[in-house]
Amino acid sequence: MIYRSKAPLRIGLAGGGTDVSPYCDQYGGAILNVTISLYANASIEILDEPKIVLEAFDRDEVAEYDWQSSLPIDGHLDLLKGVYNRIQKDYPFVQKGIKLSTFVDAPAGSGLGTSSTLVVAILGAFVEMLQLPLGEYDIAQYAYDIERVDLALAGGRQDQYAATFGGVNFMEFYADDKVIVNPLRIRQEYIDELENNLLLYYTATSRESAEIIKKQSKNVTDNKATSIEAMHQLKHQAQLMKEALLRGQLHEIGNILNIGFEQKRQMAEGISNELIENIYAAAKASGATGGKISGAGGGGFMIFYCPNNTKYAVKQALSAFGGVHRSYSFTKHGLKTWRI
């Protein structure tokens, strides 16, 4: 028997960073995001011998252990190990052995929530295998606990919930791990036009998001006024984006994204750099009305709003920077699991 799952990656459209503690605990955060047709995939195969095999096909990494209830967290395939260890702690199971295999459609550090989405996908495979009575909120919070508490990896909350729920969501974040996911009922023609006009561009660089997020969190802890005010503005940006999409005011999308780009620079050092600034300027000069860095910043993916078929000129202009645009479509569903 093989147990499989997949969870979609996401594009954050507005409010990015306000889901990170301590900001959301003190002030409340808000983010608008949408899942796309790039996925984290996981499968668990039952083996006839007492061993645990871990393999990440996209990273070309493999590890094999004698069967044990807790695997060493040593910097090698730790996301896979972290989920396995927590499941064994909370829902211990005895098998002759398992092979846990994963593949992610985007590089780590690319800004599309790859790490958290992978944790959700792995959890999904175990939920399917063990038939665990966990709902969407349960799985998302469980994934957050594994990544942020068990593995002590810095980051926010949006990715786990986006991957689990899927679709276009306005998310609210509060103290004590309170999260409210509000699915948005947007007219299909507005969604189609947004998808048509949003260009997803990979800068061909990656970054360690945890380090940027640590700086962002420290700025809040240190009560740095410019950083906190920038996060207030990004939270307001999420509200503006929600209203524009619901009302079909798509001509405002580029301006709203541009607000976010300007404010995000103020959150922490390292979010932007010379390459990102040059790419952004070239995109706007070629017809994009706004854009943003996806995820924590520093590299990875960027998105640009390109109305009136300007995306073709923007693609051409950005080809000079060595990156590539990535085709995608929006998805309506989050985590899926099945068995064969």
Protein backbone atom coordinates (compact mmCIF):
# COMPACT_ATOMS: atom_id res chain seq x y z
CA MET A 1 0.00 0.00 0.00
CA ILE A 2 1.19 3.53 -0.84
CA TYR A 3 -0.26 6.63 0.80
CA ARG A 4 0.06 9.86 -1.15
CA SER A 5 -0.61 13.55 -0.70
CA LYS A 6 -0.02 16.87 -2.37
CA ALA A 7 -0.39 20.45 -1.17
CA PRO A 8 -0.23 23.62 -3.27
CA LEU A 9 2.34 26.38 -2.96
CA ARG A 10 1.07 29.93 -2.64
CA ILE A 11 1.52 33.46 -3.89
CA GLY A 12 1.20 36.08 -1.18
CA LEU A 13 -0.59 39.09 -2.68
CA ALA A 14 -0.68 41.42 0.32
CA GLY A 15 0.13 41.68 4.02
CA GLY A 16 3.22 39.47 3.91
CA GLY A 17 5.16 39.39 7.17
CA THR A 18 2.28 40.41 9.43
CA ASP A 19 1.70 36.74 10.26
CA VAL A 20 5.05 36.56 12.09
CA SER A 21 5.35 36.77 15.86
CA PRO A 22 5.62 38.97 17.82
CA TYR A 23 3.89 41.43 15.46
CA CYS A 24 0.70 39.40 14.98
CA ASP A 25 0.54 38.63 18.71
CA GLN A 26 0.66 42.31 19.65
CA TYR A 27 -1.19 43.99 16.79
CA GLY A 28 -2.94 41.26 14.81
CA GLY A 29 -1.91 40.38 11.26
CA ALA A 30 -3.72 40.06 7.94
CA ILE A 31 -2.64 38.44 4.68
CA LEU A 32 -4.28 37.78 1.35
CA ASN A 33 -2.88 34.85 -0.60
CA VAL A 34 -3.80 32.43 -3.37
CA THR A 35 -2.60 28.89 -4.03
CA ILE A 36 -1.13 27.92 -7.39
CA SER A 37 -0.55 24.78 -9.44
CA LEU A 38 2.92 24.09 -8.05
CA TYR A 39 2.94 21.45 -5.35
CA ALA A 40 4.74 19.71 -2.55
CA ASN A 41 4.22 15.96 -2.93
CA ALA A 42 4.70 13.18 -0.39
CA SER A 43 4.21 9.43 -0.36
CA ILE A 44 4.63 6.71 2.25
CA GLU A 45 5.28 3.14 1.18
CA ILE A 46 5.07 0.25 3.64
CA LEU A 47 8.22 -1.89 3.60
CA ASP A 48 8.70 -5.55 4.53
CA GLU A 49 11.82 -4.89 6.58
CA PRO A 50 12.35 -2.86 9.78
CA LYS A 51 13.95 0.27 8.37
CA ILE A 52 13.05 3.87 7.61
CA VAL A 53 14.03 5.31 4.24
CA LEU A 54 13.75 9.03 3.56
CA GLU A 55 14.23 10.45 0.08
CA ALA A 56 13.78 13.94 -1.30
CA PHE A 57 13.81 13.54 -5.07
CA ASP A 58 14.04 17.25 -5.83
CA ARG A 59 17.12 17.63 -3.61
CA ASP A 60 18.68 14.30 -4.58
CA GLU A 61 19.01 13.35 -0.91
CA VAL A 62 18.47 9.94 0.69
CA ALA A 63 18.84 8.70 4.26
CA GLU A 64 18.24 5.23 5.68
CA TYR A 65 17.89 4.15 9.33
CA ASP A 66 17.07 1.04 11.30
CA TRP A 67 13.51 1.28 12.56
CA GLN A 68 13.23 3.67 15.51
CA SER A 69 10.61 5.96 16.96
CA SER A 70 12.74 9.10 16.82
CA LEU A 71 15.15 10.16 14.08
CA PRO A 72 18.14 12.47 14.67
CA ILE A 73 17.64 16.14 13.79
CA ASP A 74 21.01 16.88 12.26
CA GLY A 75 20.47 19.22 9.32
CA HIS A 76 19.78 16.41 6.83
CA LEU A 77 16.14 16.02 5.71
CA ASP A 78 15.00 17.55 9.00
CA LEU A 79 11.52 18.48 7.76
CA LEU A 80 10.81 14.84 6.96
CA LYS A 81 12.27 13.71 10.27
CA GLY A 82 10.42 16.36 12.23
CA VAL A 83 7.03 15.21 10.99
CA TYR A 84 7.90 11.54 11.54
CA ASN A 85 9.11 12.21 15.09
CA ARG A 86 6.02 14.20 16.06
CA ILE A 87 3.62 11.64 14.59
CA GLN A 88 5.41 8.84 16.45
CA LYS A 89 5.18 10.87 19.66
CA ASP A 90 1.48 11.70 19.37
CA TYR A 91 0.15 8.75 17.35
CA PRO A 92 2.72 5.96 17.75
CA PHE A 93 2.50 3.27 15.13
CA VAL A 94 4.43 0.06 14.57
CA GLN A 95 5.25 -1.02 11.06
CA LYS A 96 7.87 -3.29 9.58
CA GLY A 97 9.22 -0.18 7.97
CA ILE A 98 8.34 2.79 5.76
CA LYS A 99 9.76 4.75 2.86
CA LEU A 100 8.86 8.44 2.95
CA SER A 101 9.45 10.18 -0.39
CA THR A 102 8.96 13.84 -1.27
CA PHE A 103 9.21 16.20 -4.22
CA VAL A 104 8.59 19.97 -4.38
CA ASP A 105 7.90 21.82 -7.63
CA ALA A 106 9.92 24.91 -6.61
CA PRO A 107 13.35 25.32 -4.99
CA ALA A 108 13.75 25.77 -1.27
CA GLY A 109 14.13 29.43 -0.35
CA SER A 110 12.11 30.57 -3.35
CA GLY A 111 9.46 32.50 -1.43
CA LEU A 112 6.42 30.38 -2.28
CA GLY A 113 6.16 28.68 1.11
CA THR A 114 7.95 25.51 0.06
CA SER A 115 9.12 24.33 3.50
CA SER A 116 5.81 24.76 5.27
CA THR A 117 3.87 23.32 2.34
CA LEU A 118 6.15 20.28 2.37
CA VAL A 119 5.44 19.76 6.07
CA VAL A 120 1.69 19.92 5.34
CA ALA A 121 2.06 17.39 2.52
CA ILE A 122 4.04 14.97 4.68
CA LEU A 123 1.49 15.32 7.45
CA GLY A 124 -1.24 14.60 4.91
CA ALA A 125 0.38 11.31 3.94
CA PHE A 126 0.53 10.24 7.59
CA VAL A 127 -3.05 11.38 8.17
CA GLU A 128 -4.12 9.21 5.24
CA MET A 129 -2.07 6.24 6.41
CA LEU A 130 -3.21 6.36 10.03
CA GLN A 131 -6.69 7.79 9.32
CA LEU A 132 -6.14 10.53 11.89
CA PRO A 133 -9.22 12.58 12.84
CA LEU A 134 -7.69 15.96 11.95
CA GLY A 135 -9.51 18.79 10.20
CA GLU A 136 -8.02 21.61 8.14
CA TYR A 137 -7.32 23.92 11.07
CA ASP A 138 -5.85 21.00 13.02
CA ILE A 139 -3.45 20.03 10.24
CA ALA A 140 -2.32 23.61 9.61
CA GLN A 141 -1.65 24.26 13.31
CA TYR A 142 0.05 20.87 13.66
CA ALA A 143 2.36 21.72 10.76
CA TYR A 144 3.11 25.11 12.34
CA ASP A 145 3.99 23.48 15.68
CA ILE A 146 6.33 20.98 14.04
CA GLU A 147 8.20 23.58 12.02
CA ARG A 148 8.25 26.49 14.45
CA VAL A 149 8.32 24.71 17.84
CA ASP A 150 9.79 21.22 17.36
CA LEU A 151 12.36 22.25 14.73
CA ALA A 152 12.69 25.86 15.96
CA LEU A 153 12.63 27.29 12.41
CA ALA A 154 11.72 30.97 12.24
CA GLY A 155 8.75 31.93 10.10
CA GLY A 156 5.13 32.93 9.94
CA ARG A 157 1.78 31.18 9.88
CA GLN A 158 0.26 31.82 6.45
CA ASP A 159 1.97 29.04 4.50
CA GLN A 160 0.62 26.14 6.54
CA TYR A 161 -2.94 27.45 6.29
CA ALA A 162 -2.72 28.30 2.58
CA ALA A 163 -1.42 24.82 1.77
CA THR A 164 -4.11 23.11 3.83
CA PHE A 165 -7.12 25.20 2.77
CA GLY A 166 -6.21 26.23 -0.80
CA GLY A 167 -7.92 28.88 -2.93
CA VAL A 168 -8.02 32.65 -2.41
CA ASN A 169 -8.09 33.50 1.28
CA PHE A 170 -7.99 36.55 3.51
CA MET A 171 -6.31 35.33 6.69
CA GLU A 172 -6.25 36.96 10.12
CA PHE A 173 -3.63 36.18 12.76
CA TYR A 174 -3.83 36.90 16.48
CA ALA A 175 -2.19 36.00 19.77
CA ASP A 176 -2.38 32.48 21.23
CA ASP A 177 -2.14 30.89 17.76
CA LYS A 178 -5.58 32.12 16.75
CA VAL A 179 -6.01 32.09 12.98
CA ILE A 180 -9.15 32.84 10.98
CA VAL A 181 -9.25 31.78 7.33
CA ASN A 182 -11.80 33.71 5.26
CA PRO A 183 -12.28 32.18 1.77
CA LEU A 184 -13.12 34.94 -0.70
CA ARG A 185 -16.00 34.59 -3.14
CA ILE A 186 -14.54 36.45 -6.10
CA ARG A 187 -16.26 36.47 -9.47
CA GLN A 188 -14.60 34.04 -11.85
CA GLU A 189 -13.84 36.67 -14.50
CA TYR A 190 -11.93 38.69 -11.92
CA ILE A 191 -9.92 35.62 -10.95
CA ASP A 192 -9.24 34.79 -14.60
CA GLU A 193 -8.03 38.33 -15.32
CA LEU A 194 -5.83 38.37 -12.22
CA GLU A 195 -4.28 35.06 -13.23
CA ASN A 196 -3.75 36.32 -16.78
CA ASN A 197 -2.05 39.52 -15.65
CA LEU A 198 0.16 38.24 -12.83
CA LEU A 199 3.64 37.30 -14.00
CA LEU A 200 5.55 34.90 -11.76
CA TYR A 201 9.29 35.40 -12.15
CA TYR A 202 12.07 33.38 -10.53
CA THR A 203 15.20 35.44 -9.95
CA ALA A 204 17.35 32.28 -10.05
CA THR A 205 18.54 33.08 -6.53
CA SER A 206 17.43 31.66 -3.21
CA ARG A 207 17.83 32.91 0.32
CA GLU A 208 17.61 31.77 3.91
CA SER A 209 14.23 33.18 4.88
CA ALA A 210 14.69 32.34 8.56
CA GLU A 211 17.51 34.86 8.96
CA ILE A 212 15.47 37.69 7.42
CA ILE A 213 12.46 36.77 9.55
CA LYS A 214 14.59 36.76 12.71
CA LYS A 215 15.65 40.35 11.92
CA GLN A 216 12.03 41.31 11.30
CA SER A 217 10.93 39.81 14.62
CA LYS A 218 13.77 41.51 16.48
CA ASN A 219 12.76 44.87 15.05
CA VAL A 220 9.31 44.43 16.59
CA THR A 221 10.74 43.23 19.89
CA ASP A 222 13.06 46.25 19.92
CA ASN A 223 10.07 48.48 19.16
CA LYS A 224 11.68 49.87 16.00
CA ALA A 225 9.10 52.40 14.83
CA THR A 226 9.86 52.30 11.09
CA SER A 227 9.54 48.50 10.93
CA ILE A 228 6.34 48.41 12.95
CA GLU A 229 4.74 51.17 10.91
CA ALA A 230 5.69 49.32 7.70
CA MET A 231 3.89 46.22 9.01
CA HIS A 232 0.83 48.32 9.88
CA GLN A 233 0.80 49.56 6.28
CA LEU A 234 1.17 46.01 4.92
CA LYS A 235 -1.77 44.88 7.01
CA HIS A 236 -3.79 47.74 5.53
CA GLN A 237 -2.56 46.68 2.09
CA ALA A 238 -4.20 43.27 2.62
CA GLN A 239 -7.52 44.98 3.27
CA LEU A 240 -7.15 47.11 0.13
CA MET A 241 -6.34 44.03 -1.94
CA LYS A 242 -9.39 42.19 -0.61
CA GLU A 243 -11.70 45.08 -1.51
CA ALA A 244 -10.17 45.48 -4.98
CA LEU A 245 -10.63 41.79 -5.82
CA LEU A 246 -14.16 41.52 -4.47
CA ARG A 247 -15.25 44.66 -6.32
CA GLY A 248 -13.39 43.85 -9.52
CA GLN A 249 -11.22 46.96 -9.32
CA LEU A 250 -8.32 45.18 -10.97
CA HIS A 251 -6.81 48.42 -12.22
CA GLU A 252 -5.84 49.09 -8.59
CA ILE A 253 -3.91 45.82 -8.14
CA GLY A 254 -0.58 47.14 -9.42
CA ASN A 255 -0.74 50.20 -7.19
CA ILE A 256 -1.59 48.08 -4.16
CA LEU A 257 1.30 45.73 -4.89
CA ASN A 258 3.60 48.72 -5.25
CA ILE A 259 2.57 49.95 -1.79
CA GLY A 260 3.63 46.60 -0.40
CA PHE A 261 6.97 46.66 -2.20
CA GLU A 262 7.76 50.10 -0.80
CA GLN A 263 6.76 49.18 2.75
CA LYS A 264 8.37 45.75 2.85
CA ARG A 265 11.80 47.30 2.36
CA GLN A 266 11.37 48.95 5.77
CA MET A 267 10.67 45.75 7.69
CA ALA A 268 14.20 44.36 7.91
CA GLU A 269 17.62 44.52 6.33
CA GLY A 270 18.17 42.10 3.45
CA ILE A 271 14.61 42.03 2.11
CA SER A 272 15.66 43.91 -1.02
CA ASN A 273 19.00 44.21 -2.80
CA GLU A 274 20.46 45.67 -5.97
CA LEU A 275 19.34 42.78 -8.20
CA ILE A 276 15.76 42.93 -6.93
CA GLU A 277 15.65 46.71 -7.33
CA ASN A 278 16.94 46.47 -10.90
CA ILE A 279 14.46 43.74 -11.81
CA TYR A 280 11.61 45.73 -10.32
CA ALA A 281 12.59 48.90 -12.20
CA ALA A 282 12.88 47.01 -15.50
CA ALA A 283 9.47 45.40 -15.04
CA LYS A 284 7.78 48.74 -14.36
CA ALA A 285 9.55 50.38 -17.29
CA SER A 286 8.15 47.63 -19.55
CA GLY A 287 4.52 48.00 -18.50
CA ALA A 288 4.05 46.39 -15.08
CA THR A 289 2.10 48.67 -12.75
CA GLY A 290 3.45 47.07 -9.59
CA GLY A 291 4.92 43.95 -8.07
CA LYS A 292 6.38 42.39 -4.97
CA ILE A 293 8.96 40.02 -3.60
CA SER A 294 7.40 36.70 -2.70
CA GLY A 295 7.97 35.43 0.80
CA ALA A 296 10.52 36.90 3.19
CA GLY A 297 12.52 38.61 0.43
CA GLY A 298 16.19 38.62 -0.47
CA GLY A 299 15.68 36.51 -3.59
CA GLY A 300 13.48 33.73 -4.90
CA PHE A 301 10.28 34.56 -6.79
CA MET A 302 8.81 37.96 -7.59
CA ILE A 303 5.38 38.72 -9.01
CA PHE A 304 4.35 41.59 -11.28
CA TYR A 305 0.94 42.87 -12.29
CA CYS A 306 0.98 43.40 -16.06
CA PRO A 307 -2.31 44.76 -17.45
CA ASN A 308 -3.25 45.17 -21.11
CA ASN A 309 -1.02 42.32 -22.34
CA THR A 310 2.14 44.04 -21.10
CA LYS A 311 3.36 40.76 -19.57
CA TYR A 312 4.98 39.79 -22.87
CA ALA A 313 7.12 42.93 -22.89
CA VAL A 314 7.90 42.43 -19.20
CA LYS A 315 8.99 38.83 -19.84
CA GLN A 316 11.32 40.06 -22.56
CA ALA A 317 12.81 42.76 -20.37
CA LEU A 318 13.41 40.42 -17.43
CA SER A 319 15.16 37.81 -19.57
CA ALA A 320 18.27 40.00 -19.34
CA PHE A 321 18.61 39.25 -15.61
CA GLY A 322 19.15 35.50 -15.93
CA GLY A 323 15.91 34.44 -14.27
CA VAL A 324 12.90 32.68 -15.76
CA HIS A 325 9.15 33.23 -15.69
CA ARG A 326 7.11 30.30 -14.39
CA SER A 327 3.75 29.25 -15.79
CA TYR A 328 1.02 28.44 -13.26
CA SER A 329 -2.70 28.55 -12.66
CA PHE A 330 -4.67 29.31 -9.51
CA THR A 331 -6.05 26.34 -7.58
CA LYS A 332 -9.27 26.05 -5.63
CA HIS A 333 -8.25 23.14 -3.43
CA GLY A 334 -5.70 22.69 -0.70
CA LEU A 335 -4.21 19.49 0.70
CA LYS A 336 -5.33 16.28 -1.02
CA THR A 337 -4.61 12.73 0.16
CA TRP A 338 -5.27 9.28 -1.26
CA ARG A 339 -4.01 5.70 -1.23
CA ILE A 340 -3.22 3.08 -3.88
